[in-house]
Amino acid sequence: MAIKPRIKLPKTAAIDEVVTVKTLLTHRMESGRRRDPDTDEIIPRMIVHTFEATFNGRPVVTFKPEGAVSENPYFAFSLKVPEAGELTCVWTDDEGEVFEGSKSIEIA
């Protein structure tokens, strides 16, 4: 599955400024309750079960969504910027696939 995560945050911030981080992952998110229209077999559950964000290698947020999370999950959170660096976001799904994206932020 070729999935490219999207991360949006300002390119610059002041030290200790709080910025909003917006993330989006294009992912089908099967609930395990839908049937394949061709075979009538139940499509196995496949959801993103973990979202983690780190800033310069230090944990910022960990989120464990449940089965009610919609297709193409969008997560937003606040980040207090202590220094220039790189924000890395990692999504993991039920099949063990890991989707990773990162963005840098500079001090203004």
Protein backbone atom coordinates (compact mmCIF):
# COMPACT_ATOMS: atom_id res chain seq x y z
CA MET A 1 0.00 0.00 0.00
CA ALA A 2 1.68 3.25 -1.13
CA ILE A 3 0.55 5.72 1.50
CA LYS A 4 2.11 9.13 2.00
CA PRO A 5 1.36 10.77 5.34
CA ARG A 6 0.81 14.52 5.40
CA ILE A 7 2.01 16.78 8.21
CA LYS A 8 1.28 20.48 8.40
CA LEU A 9 2.97 22.88 10.82
CA PRO A 10 4.50 26.35 10.54
CA LYS A 11 7.97 26.58 8.97
CA THR A 12 9.11 28.90 11.77
CA ALA A 13 8.17 29.62 15.38
CA ALA A 14 9.54 31.49 18.36
CA ILE A 15 11.10 29.54 21.21
CA ASP A 16 8.33 28.24 23.52
CA GLU A 17 5.63 29.20 21.01
CA VAL A 18 2.69 26.78 20.88
CA VAL A 19 1.87 25.71 17.32
CA THR A 20 -0.85 23.48 15.92
CA VAL A 21 0.25 20.32 14.13
CA LYS A 22 -2.20 18.77 11.67
CA THR A 23 -1.69 15.27 10.28
CA LEU A 24 -3.56 13.20 7.72
CA LEU A 25 -2.99 9.63 6.61
CA THR A 26 -4.79 8.28 3.54
CA HIS A 27 -5.77 4.83 4.85
CA ARG A 28 -8.86 2.71 4.15
CA MET A 29 -9.51 1.74 7.81
CA GLU A 30 -11.57 -1.44 7.47
CA SER A 31 -13.79 -2.13 10.48
CA GLY A 32 -14.14 -5.90 9.93
CA ARG A 33 -17.90 -5.53 9.43
CA ARG A 34 -18.02 -4.84 5.70
CA ARG A 35 -18.39 -7.50 3.03
CA ASP A 36 -16.50 -7.70 -0.25
CA PRO A 37 -19.13 -7.10 -2.96
CA ASP A 38 -17.54 -9.67 -5.29
CA THR A 39 -17.08 -12.58 -2.86
CA ASP A 40 -19.49 -11.66 -0.04
CA GLU A 41 -16.71 -12.46 2.44
CA ILE A 42 -16.14 -10.21 5.42
CA ILE A 43 -13.18 -7.89 4.87
CA PRO A 44 -10.81 -8.34 7.83
CA ARG A 45 -10.33 -5.44 10.22
CA MET A 46 -7.39 -3.20 9.35
CA ILE A 47 -7.13 0.07 11.24
CA VAL A 48 -4.37 2.40 12.35
CA HIS A 49 -3.97 1.36 15.97
CA THR A 50 -1.10 3.64 17.06
CA PHE A 51 -0.06 7.20 16.28
CA GLU A 52 3.16 8.56 17.78
CA ALA A 53 4.89 11.91 17.38
CA THR A 54 8.41 12.84 18.47
CA PHE A 55 10.31 16.12 18.33
CA ASN A 56 14.07 15.75 17.96
CA GLY A 57 13.68 12.17 19.17
CA ARG A 58 11.72 13.08 22.31
CA PRO A 59 8.11 11.84 22.65
CA VAL A 60 5.41 14.48 22.14
CA VAL A 61 2.19 12.49 21.87
CA THR A 62 1.05 8.88 21.61
CA PHE A 63 -2.51 8.12 20.59
CA LYS A 64 -4.14 4.70 20.33
CA PRO A 65 -7.34 5.09 18.30
CA GLU A 66 -9.97 2.38 18.42
CA GLY A 67 -12.16 0.88 15.70
CA ALA A 68 -14.41 3.93 15.51
CA VAL A 69 -11.72 6.05 13.84
CA SER A 70 -12.77 7.02 10.34
CA GLU A 71 -11.12 6.29 7.03
CA ASN A 72 -8.20 8.66 6.30
CA PRO A 73 -7.54 9.54 9.96
CA TYR A 74 -6.84 13.19 10.75
CA PHE A 75 -5.07 13.99 14.01
CA ALA A 76 -4.27 17.48 15.28
CA PHE A 77 -2.41 18.48 18.43
CA SER A 78 -0.54 21.40 19.97
CA LEU A 79 3.24 21.47 20.23
CA LYS A 80 5.33 23.84 22.35
CA VAL A 81 8.47 24.46 20.29
CA PRO A 82 11.54 24.35 22.58
CA GLU A 83 14.11 24.66 19.78
CA ALA A 84 14.58 24.23 16.06
CA GLY A 85 14.20 20.64 15.01
CA GLU A 86 12.28 17.89 13.32
CA LEU A 87 8.85 16.54 14.15
CA THR A 88 8.41 12.88 13.20
CA CYS A 89 4.99 11.21 13.09
CA VAL A 90 4.51 7.44 12.89
CA TRP A 91 1.28 5.54 12.21
CA THR A 92 1.08 1.73 12.66
CA ASP A 93 -1.80 -0.41 11.38
CA ASP A 94 -3.14 -3.90 12.16
CA GLU A 95 -1.07 -5.48 9.38
CA GLY A 96 2.10 -4.16 10.98
CA GLU A 97 2.69 -1.57 8.27
CA VAL A 98 4.39 1.57 9.54
CA PHE A 99 3.86 4.93 7.85
CA GLU A 100 6.28 7.71 8.77
CA GLY A 101 6.55 11.38 7.89
CA SER A 102 8.55 14.30 9.23
CA LYS A 103 8.73 18.08 8.97
CA SER A 104 11.29 20.57 10.21
CA ILE A 105 10.64 23.79 12.06
CA GLU A 106 13.10 26.67 12.44
CA ILE A 107 13.32 29.32 15.15
CA ALA A 108 12.28 32.77 13.91
